Protein backbone atom coordinates (compact mmCIF):
# COMPACT_ATOMS: atom_id res chain seq x y z
CA MET A 1 65.75 -11.45 -19.21
CA TRP A 2 64.63 -9.03 -21.90
CA GLY A 3 63.88 -5.27 -21.18
CA THR A 4 60.86 -3.36 -21.89
CA GLY A 5 62.04 -0.52 -24.01
CA ILE A 6 62.86 -0.39 -27.76
CA SER A 7 66.46 -0.14 -27.01
CA ASP A 8 66.54 -3.95 -26.87
CA THR A 9 67.77 -4.29 -30.46
CA PHE A 10 70.37 -7.23 -30.04
CA ASP A 11 72.41 -5.46 -32.80
CA ILE A 12 69.88 -5.93 -35.53
CA PHE A 13 71.23 -3.43 -38.01
CA GLU A 14 68.67 -3.95 -41.04
CA PRO A 15 65.99 -1.22 -40.48
CA GLY A 16 62.98 -3.36 -41.70
CA VAL A 17 64.10 -6.37 -39.33
CA GLN A 18 64.56 -3.91 -36.48
CA ILE A 19 61.10 -2.25 -36.94
CA ARG A 20 59.37 -5.65 -37.39
CA TYR A 21 61.16 -6.75 -34.11
CA HIS A 22 60.05 -3.75 -32.00
CA ILE A 23 56.56 -4.28 -33.29
CA SER A 24 56.61 -7.94 -32.21
CA MET A 25 58.02 -6.98 -28.82
CA ASN A 26 55.34 -4.46 -28.27
CA ARG A 27 52.49 -6.72 -29.22
CA SER A 28 53.94 -9.53 -27.19
CA GLN A 29 54.21 -7.38 -24.08
CA LYS A 30 50.63 -6.16 -24.55
CA GLU A 31 49.51 -9.84 -24.80
CA ALA A 32 51.42 -10.65 -21.70
CA TYR A 33 49.73 -7.79 -19.86
CA LEU A 34 46.27 -8.73 -21.05
CA TYR A 35 46.81 -12.50 -19.87
CA ALA A 36 48.30 -11.33 -16.59
CA LEU A 37 45.60 -8.90 -15.74
CA SER A 38 42.97 -11.47 -16.64
CA ALA A 39 44.76 -13.87 -14.16
CA VAL A 40 44.86 -11.33 -11.42
CA LEU A 41 41.23 -10.33 -11.73
CA LEU A 42 40.20 -13.97 -11.59
CA TRP A 43 42.48 -14.65 -8.66
CA SER A 44 41.08 -11.70 -6.82
CA THR A 45 37.56 -13.40 -6.88
CA VAL A 46 38.44 -16.74 -5.36
CA ALA A 47 38.67 -15.87 -1.68
CA THR A 48 34.96 -14.79 -2.11
CA ALA A 49 34.24 -17.93 -3.96
CA PHE A 50 35.83 -20.12 -1.35
CA LYS A 51 33.79 -18.34 1.63
CA ILE A 52 30.35 -18.63 -0.32
CA SER A 53 31.02 -22.22 -1.57
CA LEU A 54 31.70 -23.31 2.01
CA ARG A 55 28.27 -22.34 2.97
CA TYR A 56 27.05 -25.33 0.83
CA LEU A 57 29.92 -27.81 1.01
CA ARG A 58 32.28 -29.25 3.59
CA PRO A 59 35.93 -28.30 2.80
CA GLU A 60 36.84 -31.93 1.58
CA GLU A 61 33.78 -31.97 -0.54
CA LEU A 62 34.49 -28.66 -2.19
CA LEU A 63 38.02 -29.83 -2.70
CA PHE A 64 36.97 -33.12 -4.37
CA TRP A 65 34.63 -31.55 -6.76
CA ALA A 66 36.77 -28.61 -7.54
CA SER A 67 39.87 -30.62 -8.09
CA SER A 68 37.92 -32.96 -10.32
CA VAL A 69 37.03 -29.97 -12.52
CA SER A 70 40.87 -28.93 -12.63
CA LEU A 71 41.83 -32.44 -13.52
CA LEU A 72 39.41 -32.58 -16.55
CA LEU A 73 40.35 -29.21 -17.76
CA PHE A 74 44.27 -30.01 -17.55
CA GLY A 75 43.63 -33.35 -19.12
CA GLY A 76 41.59 -31.77 -21.97
CA VAL A 77 44.30 -29.10 -22.68
CA LEU A 78 46.87 -31.92 -23.08
CA TRP A 79 44.54 -34.11 -25.08
CA ARG A 80 43.84 -31.00 -27.53
CA ARG A 81 47.73 -30.49 -27.72
CA GLY A 82 48.38 -34.11 -28.56
CA ARG A 83 50.63 -34.24 -25.40
CA LEU A 84 48.55 -36.46 -23.00
CA GLY A 85 50.91 -39.48 -23.53
CA GLU A 86 53.78 -37.40 -22.36
CA ALA A 87 52.31 -37.37 -18.74
CA TRP A 88 53.34 -41.18 -18.46
CA GLY A 89 56.84 -40.45 -19.33
CA VAL A 90 57.07 -37.78 -16.70
CA TRP A 91 55.64 -40.06 -14.09
CA ARG A 92 58.16 -42.75 -15.01
CA ARG A 93 61.01 -40.41 -14.62
CA HIS A 94 59.72 -39.22 -11.23
CA PRO A 95 57.80 -42.22 -9.66
CA LEU A 96 58.15 -40.79 -6.14
CA LEU A 97 57.98 -37.06 -6.57
CA ILE A 98 54.89 -37.06 -8.69
CA PRO A 99 52.77 -38.70 -5.91
CA LEU A 100 54.43 -36.45 -3.38
CA LEU A 101 53.64 -33.23 -5.33
CA GLY A 102 50.05 -34.48 -5.84
CA ALA A 103 49.64 -35.18 -2.04
CA ILE A 104 50.70 -31.57 -1.35
CA ASN A 105 48.79 -29.97 -3.97
CA PRO A 106 46.02 -30.23 -4.26
CA PHE A 107 45.26 -32.58 -1.57
CA VAL A 108 46.71 -31.35 1.76
CA TYR A 109 47.34 -27.83 0.78
CA TYR A 110 43.75 -26.85 -0.36
CA LEU A 111 42.17 -29.08 2.36
CA THR A 112 44.16 -27.11 4.90
CA LEU A 113 43.44 -23.73 3.13
CA PHE A 114 39.64 -24.42 2.84
CA HIS A 115 39.47 -25.23 6.59
CA ALA A 116 41.25 -21.82 7.27
CA TYR A 117 38.53 -20.15 5.20
CA ASP A 118 35.74 -22.04 6.98
CA LEU A 119 36.96 -20.80 10.32
CA LEU A 120 38.18 -17.35 9.55
CA PRO A 121 36.67 -14.46 7.58
CA ALA A 122 37.80 -14.34 3.95
CA GLN A 123 39.61 -11.22 4.31
CA GLU A 124 41.85 -12.66 7.16
CA ALA A 125 42.50 -15.98 5.62
CA GLN A 126 43.42 -14.52 2.13
CA ALA A 127 45.76 -11.80 3.72
CA ILE A 128 47.66 -14.27 5.90
CA ASN A 129 47.95 -16.81 2.85
CA TYR A 130 50.22 -14.10 1.11
CA SER A 131 52.98 -14.60 3.54
CA TRP A 132 53.92 -17.96 1.87
CA GLY A 133 56.38 -15.98 -0.24
CA LEU A 134 58.46 -15.18 2.88
CA LEU A 135 58.47 -18.96 3.71
CA LEU A 136 59.52 -19.70 0.27
CA ALA A 137 62.71 -17.79 0.78
CA TRP A 138 63.37 -19.06 4.22
CA LEU A 139 62.98 -22.67 3.25
CA SER A 140 65.20 -22.13 0.17
CA VAL A 141 68.10 -21.89 2.64
CA PRO A 142 68.08 -25.52 3.79
CA ILE A 143 66.52 -27.17 0.72
CA LEU A 144 68.15 -25.25 -2.20
CA GLY A 145 71.46 -23.99 -0.19
CA GLN A 146 70.60 -20.38 -0.71
CA ARG A 147 71.94 -17.76 1.79
CA LEU A 148 69.65 -16.11 4.37
CA ARG A 149 70.24 -12.50 4.22
CA ARG A 150 69.48 -9.64 6.82
CA ARG A 151 66.91 -8.33 4.47
CA ASP A 152 64.98 -11.81 4.63
CA ILE A 153 64.93 -11.54 8.54
CA ALA A 154 63.72 -7.98 8.29
CA ALA A 155 60.97 -9.02 5.91
CA GLY A 156 60.03 -11.95 8.11
CA LEU A 157 59.46 -9.38 11.03
CA LEU A 158 57.18 -7.23 8.92
CA CYS A 159 55.22 -10.06 7.40
CA TYR A 160 54.46 -11.79 10.70
CA LEU A 161 53.78 -8.53 12.58
CA GLY A 162 51.20 -8.11 9.86
CA VAL A 163 49.95 -11.65 10.41
CA LEU A 164 49.63 -10.77 14.15
CA ILE A 165 47.73 -7.69 13.56
CA ILE A 166 45.24 -9.46 11.19
CA ALA A 167 44.83 -12.45 13.63
CA THR A 168 44.15 -10.17 16.74
CA ARG A 169 42.25 -7.67 14.79
CA GLY A 170 44.69 -4.97 15.97
CA ASP A 171 44.67 -6.03 19.66
CA LEU A 172 48.37 -6.77 19.86
CA PHE A 173 48.64 -6.54 23.60
CA GLY A 174 45.34 -8.45 24.55
CA LEU A 175 46.27 -11.06 21.98
CA ARG A 176 42.69 -12.15 21.50
CA PHE A 177 42.45 -14.28 18.38
CA HIS A 178 39.39 -14.61 16.43
CA SER A 179 40.19 -18.47 15.78
CA ILE A 180 43.36 -20.02 16.85
CA PRO A 181 42.58 -23.20 14.72
CA GLY A 182 41.79 -20.99 11.81
CA LEU A 183 45.00 -19.04 12.22
CA LEU A 184 47.02 -22.36 12.37
CA TYR A 185 45.42 -23.67 9.31
CA ALA A 186 46.04 -20.39 7.47
CA LEU A 187 49.79 -20.47 8.51
CA ALA A 188 50.14 -24.22 7.63
CA SER A 189 48.74 -23.66 4.30
CA THR A 190 51.63 -21.08 3.55
CA LEU A 191 54.14 -23.55 4.67
CA LEU A 192 52.65 -26.33 2.38
CA TRP A 193 52.45 -23.88 -0.66
CA ALA A 194 56.17 -22.91 -0.24
CA LEU A 195 57.16 -26.57 0.07
CA TYR A 196 55.20 -27.51 -3.07
CA TRP A 197 57.13 -25.02 -5.06
CA LEU A 198 60.55 -25.96 -3.69
CA VAL A 199 59.81 -29.71 -4.30
CA ASN A 200 58.36 -28.67 -7.75
CA THR A 201 61.88 -27.41 -8.79
CA ARG A 202 63.09 -31.06 -8.78
CA VAL A 203 60.76 -32.25 -11.59
CA LYS A 204 61.65 -31.25 -15.21
CA ALA A 205 58.28 -31.17 -16.97
CA GLU A 206 56.13 -28.87 -19.05
CA ALA A 207 53.89 -26.93 -16.53
CA VAL A 208 50.38 -28.16 -17.65
CA THR A 209 51.63 -31.77 -17.81
CA LEU A 210 52.97 -31.52 -14.16
CA LEU A 211 49.59 -29.85 -13.07
CA PHE A 212 47.69 -32.62 -14.70
CA LEU A 213 49.70 -35.29 -12.84
CA ASN A 214 49.44 -33.50 -9.58
CA PHE A 215 45.59 -33.23 -9.95
CA LEU A 216 45.43 -36.84 -10.87
CA THR A 217 47.31 -38.11 -7.94
CA GLY A 218 45.98 -35.58 -5.50
CA THR A 219 42.28 -36.37 -6.64
CA LEU A 220 42.86 -39.94 -6.29
CA LEU A 221 44.21 -39.52 -2.76
CA LEU A 222 41.40 -37.33 -1.89
CA ALA A 223 38.87 -39.96 -3.17
CA CYS A 224 40.49 -42.49 -0.89
CA TYR A 225 40.38 -40.17 2.14
CA LEU A 226 36.65 -39.42 1.52
CA PHE A 227 35.42 -42.90 0.98
CA LEU A 228 37.61 -44.52 3.69
CA GLY A 229 37.48 -41.98 6.35
CA LYS A 230 34.64 -39.62 5.71
CA GLY A 231 31.83 -41.78 4.51
CA GLY A 232 31.95 -40.98 0.92
CA VAL A 233 30.99 -37.80 -1.10
CA HIS A 234 27.56 -36.61 -1.85
CA LEU A 235 26.13 -34.80 -4.78
CA PRO A 236 26.30 -31.12 -4.04
CA SER A 237 23.34 -28.59 -4.30
CA TRP A 238 23.25 -26.39 -7.31
CA GLN A 239 24.87 -23.62 -5.33
CA GLY A 240 27.64 -26.01 -4.15
CA ALA A 241 28.05 -27.39 -7.61
CA LEU A 242 28.46 -23.96 -9.17
CA GLY A 243 30.86 -22.87 -6.48
CA ALA A 244 32.94 -25.96 -6.93
CA LEU A 245 32.89 -25.44 -10.80
CA TYR A 246 34.05 -21.85 -10.28
CA VAL A 247 36.90 -22.66 -7.92
CA GLY A 248 38.15 -25.58 -10.07
CA LEU A 249 38.19 -23.56 -13.31
CA PHE A 250 39.50 -20.14 -11.92
CA GLU A 251 41.38 -20.86 -8.87
CA MET A 252 43.11 -24.14 -9.78
CA GLY A 253 42.81 -24.30 -13.58
CA VAL A 254 42.24 -21.56 -16.24
CA THR A 255 44.25 -18.90 -14.23
CA PHE A 256 47.31 -20.94 -14.01
CA ILE A 257 47.28 -21.30 -17.76
CA LEU A 258 46.70 -17.55 -18.34
CA TRP A 259 49.49 -16.74 -15.92
CA LEU A 260 51.88 -19.14 -17.85
CA ARG A 261 50.99 -17.53 -21.09
CA ALA A 262 51.63 -14.04 -19.58
CA MET A 263 54.97 -15.17 -18.33
CA GLN A 264 55.91 -16.81 -21.66
CA SER A 265 54.78 -13.87 -23.80
CA ALA A 266 56.39 -11.15 -21.61
CA ASP A 267 59.38 -9.25 -22.74
CA SER A 268 60.10 -8.46 -19.02
CA THR A 269 58.91 -11.04 -16.43
CA ALA A 270 59.56 -8.72 -13.53
CA THR A 271 56.92 -6.12 -14.64
CA ILE A 272 54.37 -8.81 -15.10
CA SER A 273 55.06 -10.55 -11.91
CA ASN A 274 54.54 -7.23 -9.96
CA LEU A 275 50.95 -7.30 -11.00
CA ILE A 276 50.12 -10.08 -8.60
CA TYR A 277 50.26 -7.44 -5.78
CA LEU A 278 47.00 -5.98 -7.05
CA SER A 279 45.20 -9.21 -6.25
CA PRO A 280 44.86 -8.94 -2.48
CA PHE A 281 43.51 -5.39 -2.67
CA LEU A 282 40.99 -6.17 -5.42
CA SER A 283 40.08 -9.42 -3.50
CA LEU A 284 38.96 -7.23 -0.49
CA ILE A 285 36.50 -5.37 -2.74
CA PHE A 286 34.91 -8.68 -3.89
CA ILE A 287 34.80 -9.87 -0.27
CA HIS A 288 33.11 -6.85 0.84
CA TYR A 289 30.54 -6.62 -1.87
CA LEU A 290 29.89 -10.34 -2.62
CA ALA A 291 30.59 -12.10 0.79
CA GLY A 292 29.13 -9.30 2.79
CA GLU A 293 32.14 -8.83 5.20
CA GLU A 294 33.04 -5.46 6.57
CA ILE A 295 36.71 -4.79 5.89
CA LEU A 296 38.50 -4.04 8.95
CA GLY A 297 41.27 -1.57 9.33
CA SER A 298 43.30 -4.22 11.01
CA THR A 299 43.13 -6.31 7.86
CA LEU A 300 44.33 -3.38 5.67
CA ALA A 301 47.12 -2.58 8.06
CA GLY A 302 48.31 -6.18 8.31
CA LEU A 303 48.03 -6.71 4.69
CA GLY A 304 50.19 -3.75 3.89
CA LEU A 305 52.84 -4.95 6.35
CA ILE A 306 52.89 -8.47 4.73
CA LEU A 307 53.27 -6.94 1.38
CA GLY A 308 55.86 -4.54 2.57
CA GLY A 309 57.79 -7.46 3.97
CA LEU A 310 57.58 -9.33 0.55
CA ALA A 311 58.73 -6.13 -1.14
CA VAL A 312 61.70 -5.62 1.29
CA GLN A 313 62.65 -9.35 0.61
CA LYS A 314 62.52 -8.92 -3.12
CA VAL A 315 64.93 -5.93 -3.28
CA GLY A 316 68.24 -7.00 -4.44
CA ARG A 317 67.31 -10.61 -4.99
């Protein structure tokens, strides 16, 4: 991994070459920050977009229209790059894993997540969802053969204490939950997201190609689910259509591409990846002013513990 300072010269002794190298690094890192901050800003708006869109659409309808938008976006990107034909080759190499990944994301994961947002305030659903990083580390032990450290256990205690504070709104001893089904949906979404990324490591493919295949299979599965079990899908109102368009573009689509560009451009991916921790706090601002929710002290305390637990887990890894 490259560093961020100009001391990263790699023994290039020619002065002109060295200067050009430093200029290139600085420009590249600035571009990486621009892409990353754009992605973080957009991701910070999606909890609000979920909550507002669900006023006009059922969770499964929001997912169908949003995932269709994402599918068209990823397909258009591949077509423009002249790489659409590569997708078939990836599917042939992984005929079982591709449908499995598509079944998890977008189908089951987002359906579960949207149900959580439908039943919980946006501030609670989005805060709990951030605990998926903890499950990723824990599930890496049986699936990837990694070692569970004491630090991971301590991080888990912090994270799930934070989840409990959020779910009970600070009433730890009374244990009065706003919505137990909503809490279970939110926790299930973290499990599904962690599983998706662990299974994802077994497929060797360019990121946009894999996302296109995921959304192709996931959207087809969702269509079958809707038409066979939910009586089909209806054309949304203009408010619902606008919400689905926004979610499809900026939660599931463009933002992933911006983040990938940021990671590819960065001289130090560590400094870029840490920017993601800005997102939940920015998200609370949008939730308050656009979705009209009063931000509770218990949400801030619980979110702080969740992010603190993730920071403890990250140290030394």
